[in-house]
Amino acid sequence: MVSGIRGWDVKVGVVGVGAVGAATTLSLIERGGMCREIVLIDLDSRRAAGVAADMRYATPLSPTVEVRAGGYTDLAGAAMVIITAGLNEKTGGAADRSDPEGRLRLIGANAEVYADIVPQVVAAAPEAVLMVVTDPPDPLAVLTRRLAGHDRVFSTGTLIDSLRFRVHLADRLRVRPRDVQAMVVGEHGTSEVLLWSSASVGGAPVLDLLARCGEPVDQVRQEIEDDIRYANITIIEGTGASQYGIGVVSALLAEAVLRDERAVLPVAAYYPPYETTLSLVSVLGAGGVQQMYEPSMTPDERAGLHRSVVALREAAGRALSVLPGGA
């Protein structure tokens, strides 16, 4: 647990109480034990109050936690602030599989949202760790880091993509997803890189196992990659918003920070060698991402990562352009 932080007095803020913010809050309550108070903030204060009231009625069945709506000043003393505000892919016009921009199409609108939100968060909670969830999370984390003036900033990165990778591999191999080890690195978006070379089940290489399944491995790889890259769009087409998976992911990441777990997860933080924010092998604990490592990759995977880095640098420049004087 973070030095000086005790579970019964930890405050967490959630800024943006749309589908993802509400799902994140519910997951924080259900996981329980990591914080004593959750403050919900939304541009629509009536929505924040309504979600807080709805959630409060579930708290007698969870570890003790207070959920309430508030304003930015109510974040004073918060150990962590989770930012989910902004347009999602459906409302922002980023739900076209043929569009190579993908989530990056949301940069302009959501960077403006963050330019307004982050200074208010930092003014109220200058010591808080900031977690960026809003799409596209990686360039928005670059902007958040610049606005905050510190390195206690990370994004949810490719953890959700890595989980999806494990689920689709498990389906093909007819095993439990928890028994599959697989990782996605780079951008949480269309340039992401699936590390097929290191994916395994019980130490057995996934590519070897897939070769025994009777279908052409290249075809299976392409189908799985498409399923993962466009998973959000598939979900949005059915429900209007991708929320539950990322809500659970956000709560798990908050737990890793607040408990100083030093969990090894593919989340995104600023990586000096590449001069941008991207997902690699990251150690998450007190203060956010404490260390980052580059995993073993084939030459093709490394080339893919470099292409992702180029895309992320360009996207970060677009996000920073909302600042006075630009990037």
Protein backbone atom coordinates (compact mmCIF):
# COMPACT_ATOMS: atom_id res chain seq x y z
CA MET A 1 0.00 0.00 0.00
CA VAL A 2 1.19 3.52 -0.75
CA SER A 3 3.20 5.00 2.10
CA GLY A 4 1.00 7.29 4.16
CA ILE A 5 -2.21 6.12 2.47
CA ARG A 6 -4.70 3.94 4.29
CA GLY A 7 -7.67 2.30 2.63
CA TRP A 8 -10.14 3.94 5.00
CA ASP A 9 -9.19 7.52 4.11
CA VAL A 10 -8.25 7.31 0.44
CA LYS A 11 -10.20 9.53 -1.94
CA VAL A 12 -10.54 8.81 -5.67
CA GLY A 13 -12.07 11.16 -8.21
CA VAL A 14 -13.84 10.16 -11.42
CA VAL A 15 -14.20 13.01 -13.92
CA GLY A 16 -16.76 12.26 -16.59
CA VAL A 17 -19.71 10.12 -15.55
CA GLY A 18 -20.90 8.81 -18.89
CA ALA A 19 -21.00 5.12 -19.73
CA VAL A 20 -17.30 4.51 -18.98
CA GLY A 21 -17.20 6.69 -15.87
CA ALA A 22 -20.25 4.98 -14.41
CA ALA A 23 -18.89 1.51 -15.21
CA THR A 24 -15.55 2.45 -13.64
CA THR A 25 -17.27 3.68 -10.49
CA LEU A 26 -19.32 0.52 -10.15
CA SER A 27 -16.17 -1.57 -10.58
CA LEU A 28 -14.36 0.47 -7.93
CA ILE A 29 -17.23 -0.24 -5.54
CA GLU A 30 -17.42 -3.94 -6.39
CA ARG A 31 -13.66 -4.54 -6.08
CA GLY A 32 -13.81 -2.70 -2.76
CA GLY A 33 -11.29 -1.97 -0.06
CA MET A 34 -8.98 0.35 -2.02
CA CYS A 35 -10.65 3.67 -1.24
CA ARG A 36 -13.04 5.19 1.27
CA GLU A 37 -14.50 7.97 -0.85
CA ILE A 38 -15.33 8.34 -4.56
CA VAL A 39 -16.14 11.80 -5.90
CA LEU A 40 -17.99 11.98 -9.22
CA ILE A 41 -17.68 15.08 -11.40
CA ASP A 42 -19.47 15.73 -14.67
CA LEU A 43 -20.28 18.73 -16.84
CA ASP A 44 -23.89 17.67 -16.29
CA SER A 45 -24.04 17.97 -12.50
CA ARG A 46 -27.51 16.42 -12.42
CA ARG A 47 -26.17 13.29 -14.09
CA ALA A 48 -23.31 13.09 -11.60
CA ALA A 49 -25.77 13.43 -8.72
CA GLY A 50 -28.05 10.78 -10.21
CA VAL A 51 -25.28 8.26 -10.79
CA ALA A 52 -23.91 8.88 -7.28
CA ALA A 53 -27.35 8.33 -5.74
CA ASP A 54 -27.87 5.13 -7.74
CA MET A 55 -24.46 3.79 -6.75
CA ARG A 56 -24.94 4.68 -3.07
CA TYR A 57 -27.87 2.30 -2.84
CA ALA A 58 -25.49 -0.56 -3.64
CA THR A 59 -22.87 0.39 -1.06
CA PRO A 60 -24.46 -1.53 1.86
CA LEU A 61 -23.50 -4.69 -0.05
CA SER A 62 -19.88 -3.65 -0.58
CA PRO A 63 -16.88 -2.76 1.58
CA THR A 64 -17.51 0.63 3.17
CA VAL A 65 -17.22 3.42 0.62
CA GLU A 66 -18.91 6.79 0.21
CA VAL A 67 -19.95 7.81 -3.30
CA ARG A 68 -20.94 11.41 -3.91
CA ALA A 69 -21.19 14.00 -6.65
CA GLY A 70 -19.10 17.12 -6.34
CA GLY A 71 -17.04 19.80 -8.02
CA TYR A 72 -13.33 20.10 -8.64
CA THR A 73 -12.64 21.57 -5.20
CA ASP A 74 -14.00 18.32 -3.73
CA LEU A 75 -10.97 16.53 -5.19
CA ALA A 76 -8.75 18.12 -2.54
CA GLY A 77 -6.62 15.38 -1.00
CA ALA A 78 -7.46 12.81 -3.68
CA ALA A 79 -4.82 10.13 -4.16
CA MET A 80 -5.94 9.42 -7.70
CA VAL A 81 -8.16 10.99 -10.35
CA ILE A 82 -9.55 8.93 -13.22
CA ILE A 83 -10.51 10.98 -16.28
CA THR A 84 -13.11 9.51 -18.62
CA ALA A 85 -14.68 12.73 -19.94
CA GLY A 86 -15.06 13.48 -23.63
CA LEU A 87 -16.63 12.18 -26.82
CA ASN A 88 -16.70 8.44 -27.40
CA GLU A 89 -16.19 6.77 -30.75
CA LYS A 90 -19.87 6.77 -31.68
CA THR A 91 -20.59 10.40 -30.90
CA GLY A 92 -17.20 11.49 -32.25
CA GLY A 93 -17.56 9.77 -35.63
CA ALA A 94 -14.77 7.25 -35.05
CA ALA A 95 -16.70 4.02 -35.56
CA ASP A 96 -15.74 3.27 -39.17
CA ARG A 97 -13.60 0.15 -39.65
CA SER A 98 -12.25 1.51 -42.94
CA ASP A 99 -10.92 4.68 -41.33
CA PRO A 100 -7.19 4.27 -40.58
CA GLU A 101 -7.39 7.11 -38.04
CA GLY A 102 -9.59 5.07 -35.71
CA ARG A 103 -9.73 6.62 -32.24
CA LEU A 104 -7.25 9.30 -33.27
CA ARG A 105 -10.13 11.08 -35.01
CA LEU A 106 -11.27 12.12 -31.51
CA ILE A 107 -8.07 14.02 -30.67
CA GLY A 108 -9.26 17.51 -31.55
CA ALA A 109 -12.48 17.47 -29.57
CA ASN A 110 -11.17 15.55 -26.56
CA ALA A 111 -7.94 17.52 -26.30
CA GLU A 112 -10.09 20.64 -25.89
CA VAL A 113 -12.02 18.87 -23.12
CA TYR A 114 -8.80 17.90 -21.35
CA ALA A 115 -7.33 21.38 -21.70
CA ASP A 116 -10.26 22.58 -19.60
CA ILE A 117 -10.41 19.70 -17.11
CA VAL A 118 -6.80 18.90 -16.23
CA PRO A 119 -5.77 22.32 -14.85
CA GLN A 120 -8.80 22.27 -12.54
CA VAL A 121 -7.97 18.76 -11.36
CA VAL A 122 -4.32 19.64 -10.70
CA ALA A 123 -5.23 22.85 -8.87
CA ALA A 124 -7.47 20.89 -6.49
CA ALA A 125 -5.38 17.70 -6.16
CA PRO A 126 -1.75 18.55 -7.01
CA GLU A 127 -0.39 15.28 -5.57
CA ALA A 128 -2.86 12.94 -7.28
CA VAL A 129 -1.94 10.27 -9.80
CA LEU A 130 -3.86 10.93 -13.03
CA MET A 131 -5.19 8.06 -15.13
CA VAL A 132 -6.37 8.83 -18.67
CA VAL A 133 -9.16 6.62 -19.98
CA THR A 134 -10.78 8.80 -22.66
CA ASP A 135 -10.05 7.86 -26.27
CA PRO A 136 -7.47 8.25 -27.68
CA PRO A 137 -5.81 7.73 -24.29
CA ASP A 138 -2.13 7.81 -25.27
CA PRO A 139 -1.94 11.27 -26.91
CA LEU A 140 -4.33 12.62 -24.28
CA ALA A 141 -1.90 11.34 -21.62
CA VAL A 142 0.87 13.34 -23.34
CA LEU A 143 -1.32 16.45 -23.09
CA THR A 144 -2.25 15.66 -19.50
CA ARG A 145 1.41 15.25 -18.53
CA ARG A 146 2.22 18.63 -20.07
CA LEU A 147 -0.73 20.35 -18.36
CA ALA A 148 -0.06 18.69 -15.01
CA GLY A 149 3.67 19.41 -15.02
CA HIS A 150 4.57 16.05 -13.49
CA ASP A 151 5.07 12.40 -14.44
CA ARG A 152 2.32 10.86 -12.29
CA VAL A 153 0.28 10.36 -15.44
CA PHE A 154 -0.51 7.17 -17.34
CA SER A 155 -3.21 5.83 -19.62
CA THR A 156 -5.06 2.54 -19.67
CA GLY A 157 -3.02 1.81 -22.80
CA THR A 158 -3.24 -1.63 -24.37
CA LEU A 159 -4.30 -3.60 -21.30
CA ILE A 160 -7.85 -3.97 -22.64
CA ASP A 161 -6.44 -5.00 -26.04
CA SER A 162 -4.19 -7.57 -24.37
CA LEU A 163 -7.16 -9.02 -22.50
CA ARG A 164 -9.10 -9.24 -25.75
CA PHE A 165 -6.11 -10.98 -27.35
CA ARG A 166 -6.14 -13.57 -24.58
CA VAL A 167 -9.90 -14.12 -24.90
CA HIS A 168 -9.78 -14.67 -28.67
CA LEU A 169 -6.79 -17.01 -28.40
CA ALA A 170 -8.55 -18.94 -25.65
CA ASP A 171 -11.63 -19.32 -27.86
CA ARG A 172 -9.55 -20.78 -30.68
CA LEU A 173 -7.56 -23.09 -28.42
CA ARG A 174 -10.48 -24.02 -26.15
CA VAL A 175 -8.73 -23.10 -22.92
CA ARG A 176 -9.35 -20.59 -20.12
CA PRO A 177 -8.37 -17.00 -20.99
CA ARG A 178 -6.49 -16.74 -17.70
CA ASP A 179 -4.17 -19.52 -18.88
CA VAL A 180 -3.17 -17.58 -22.00
CA GLN A 181 -0.21 -15.20 -21.81
CA ALA A 182 -0.33 -12.60 -24.59
CA MET A 183 0.41 -8.91 -24.91
CA VAL A 184 -0.35 -5.98 -27.18
CA VAL A 185 2.06 -3.01 -27.21
CA GLY A 186 2.26 0.42 -28.82
CA GLU A 187 -0.89 2.44 -29.44
CA HIS A 188 -4.33 1.65 -28.08
CA GLY A 189 -5.61 1.92 -31.62
CA THR A 190 -5.15 0.79 -35.18
CA SER A 191 -1.32 0.78 -35.11
CA GLU A 192 -1.14 -1.49 -32.06
CA VAL A 193 1.22 -4.48 -32.24
CA LEU A 194 0.14 -7.97 -31.18
CA LEU A 195 3.14 -9.90 -29.90
CA TRP A 196 2.42 -13.28 -31.44
CA SER A 197 6.00 -14.46 -31.01
CA SER A 198 5.76 -14.49 -27.20
CA ALA A 199 2.11 -15.53 -26.79
CA SER A 200 1.86 -18.85 -24.99
CA VAL A 201 -0.33 -21.27 -23.09
CA GLY A 202 1.37 -23.12 -20.25
CA GLY A 203 4.73 -22.36 -21.84
CA ALA A 204 3.70 -23.73 -25.24
CA PRO A 205 3.93 -21.16 -28.07
CA VAL A 206 0.49 -20.15 -29.31
CA LEU A 207 1.58 -20.22 -32.95
CA ASP A 208 2.59 -23.89 -32.57
CA LEU A 209 -0.75 -24.71 -30.96
CA LEU A 210 -2.74 -22.88 -33.64
CA ALA A 211 -0.89 -24.81 -36.34
CA ARG A 212 -2.49 -27.99 -34.97
CA CYS A 213 -6.05 -26.64 -35.23
CA GLY A 214 -6.55 -27.33 -38.92
CA GLU A 215 -6.97 -23.73 -40.15
CA PRO A 216 -4.26 -21.70 -41.91
CA VAL A 217 -2.38 -19.86 -39.16
CA ASP A 218 -2.08 -16.65 -41.19
CA GLN A 219 -5.84 -16.58 -41.68
CA VAL A 220 -6.46 -17.14 -37.97
CA ARG A 221 -3.98 -14.40 -37.08
CA GLN A 222 -5.69 -11.91 -39.39
CA GLU A 223 -9.15 -12.75 -38.04
CA ILE A 224 -8.02 -12.35 -34.44
CA GLU A 225 -6.19 -9.09 -35.15
CA ASP A 226 -9.29 -7.66 -36.84
CA ASP A 227 -11.48 -8.78 -33.94
CA ILE A 228 -9.21 -6.98 -31.47
CA ARG A 229 -8.57 -3.80 -33.46
CA TYR A 230 -12.26 -3.26 -34.09
CA ALA A 231 -13.66 -4.70 -30.85
CA ASN A 232 -14.89 -1.30 -29.68
CA ILE A 233 -16.80 -0.76 -32.91
CA THR A 234 -18.42 -4.20 -32.65
CA ILE A 235 -19.49 -3.41 -29.09
CA ILE A 236 -20.75 0.06 -30.02
CA GLU A 237 -22.81 -1.39 -32.86
CA GLY A 238 -24.61 -3.57 -30.32
CA THR A 239 -24.83 -1.35 -27.23
CA GLY A 240 -23.89 2.20 -28.19
CA ALA A 241 -20.82 2.33 -25.94
CA SER A 242 -17.89 0.17 -24.90
CA GLN A 243 -17.91 0.43 -21.12
CA TYR A 244 -17.87 -2.69 -18.97
CA GLY A 245 -14.49 -4.15 -19.92
CA ILE A 246 -12.70 -0.83 -19.67
CA GLY A 247 -14.54 -0.07 -16.43
CA VAL A 248 -13.14 -3.21 -14.81
CA VAL A 249 -9.69 -2.46 -16.25
CA SER A 250 -9.73 1.08 -14.85
CA ALA A 251 -10.66 -0.14 -11.37
CA LEU A 252 -7.94 -2.80 -11.45
CA LEU A 253 -5.36 -0.18 -12.43
CA ALA A 254 -6.52 2.15 -9.66
CA GLU A 255 -6.10 -0.71 -7.22
CA ALA A 256 -2.54 -1.36 -8.44
CA VAL A 257 -1.63 2.28 -7.84
CA LEU A 258 -3.35 2.73 -4.49
CA ARG A 259 -1.94 -0.52 -3.11
CA ASP A 260 1.50 0.02 -4.63
CA GLU A 261 1.24 -3.45 -6.15
CA ARG A 262 4.07 -2.99 -8.68
CA ALA A 263 1.90 -4.93 -11.10
CA VAL A 264 3.41 -5.72 -14.51
CA LEU A 265 0.85 -4.61 -17.07
CA PRO A 266 0.78 -3.16 -20.61
CA VAL A 267 -0.29 0.36 -19.71
CA ALA A 268 1.01 3.53 -21.31
CA ALA A 269 3.31 6.19 -19.89
CA TYR A 270 5.90 8.56 -21.30
CA TYR A 271 8.92 6.58 -22.48
CA PRO A 272 11.96 8.84 -23.02
CA PRO A 273 13.75 6.63 -25.60
CA TYR A 274 10.76 7.06 -27.95
CA GLU A 275 9.84 10.57 -26.79
CA THR A 276 6.15 9.73 -26.53
CA THR A 277 3.58 7.85 -24.47
CA LEU A 278 2.93 4.24 -25.44
CA SER A 279 2.31 0.83 -23.91
CA LEU A 280 5.21 -1.46 -23.15
CA VAL A 281 5.91 -3.77 -20.21
CA SER A 282 5.09 -1.34 -17.40
CA VAL A 283 5.45 -1.66 -13.64
CA LEU A 284 2.47 0.06 -12.01
CA GLY A 285 2.42 1.10 -8.38
CA ALA A 286 2.61 4.16 -6.14
CA GLY A 287 2.92 7.28 -8.23
CA GLY A 288 1.87 5.52 -11.42
CA VAL A 289 4.22 3.75 -13.84
CA GLN A 290 7.53 3.18 -12.04
CA GLN A 291 9.50 1.34 -14.74
CA MET A 292 9.06 0.41 -18.41
CA TYR A 293 10.71 -2.35 -20.43
CA GLU A 294 10.67 -3.35 -24.07
CA PRO A 295 9.62 -7.00 -24.43
CA SER A 296 11.32 -9.44 -26.77
CA MET A 297 10.08 -8.94 -30.33
CA THR A 298 10.72 -10.34 -33.78
CA PRO A 299 12.09 -7.91 -36.40
CA ASP A 300 8.58 -7.58 -37.89
CA GLU A 301 7.04 -6.85 -34.49
CA ARG A 302 9.71 -4.27 -33.73
CA ALA A 303 9.12 -2.61 -37.09
CA GLY A 304 5.42 -2.50 -36.25
CA LEU A 305 6.21 -0.88 -32.92
CA HIS A 306 8.30 1.78 -34.62
CA ARG A 307 5.39 2.54 -36.97
CA SER A 308 3.15 2.85 -33.93
CA VAL A 309 5.64 5.22 -32.30
CA VAL A 310 5.60 7.46 -35.39
CA ALA A 311 1.79 7.53 -35.37
CA LEU A 312 1.72 8.31 -31.64
CA ARG A 313 4.25 11.13 -31.92
CA GLU A 314 2.17 12.75 -34.65
CA ALA A 315 -1.00 12.27 -32.60
CA ALA A 316 0.66 13.76 -29.52
CA GLY A 317 1.59 16.83 -31.53
CA ARG A 318 -2.05 17.25 -32.53
CA ALA A 319 -3.16 16.93 -28.91
CA LEU A 320 -0.60 19.50 -27.75
CA SER A 321 -1.68 21.94 -30.45
CA VAL A 322 -4.62 22.99 -28.27
CA LEU A 323 -2.16 24.69 -25.90
CA PRO A 324 -1.21 28.35 -26.33
CA GLY A 325 1.68 28.37 -28.77
CA GLY A 326 0.96 24.74 -29.77
CA ALA A 327 3.33 21.85 -29.03
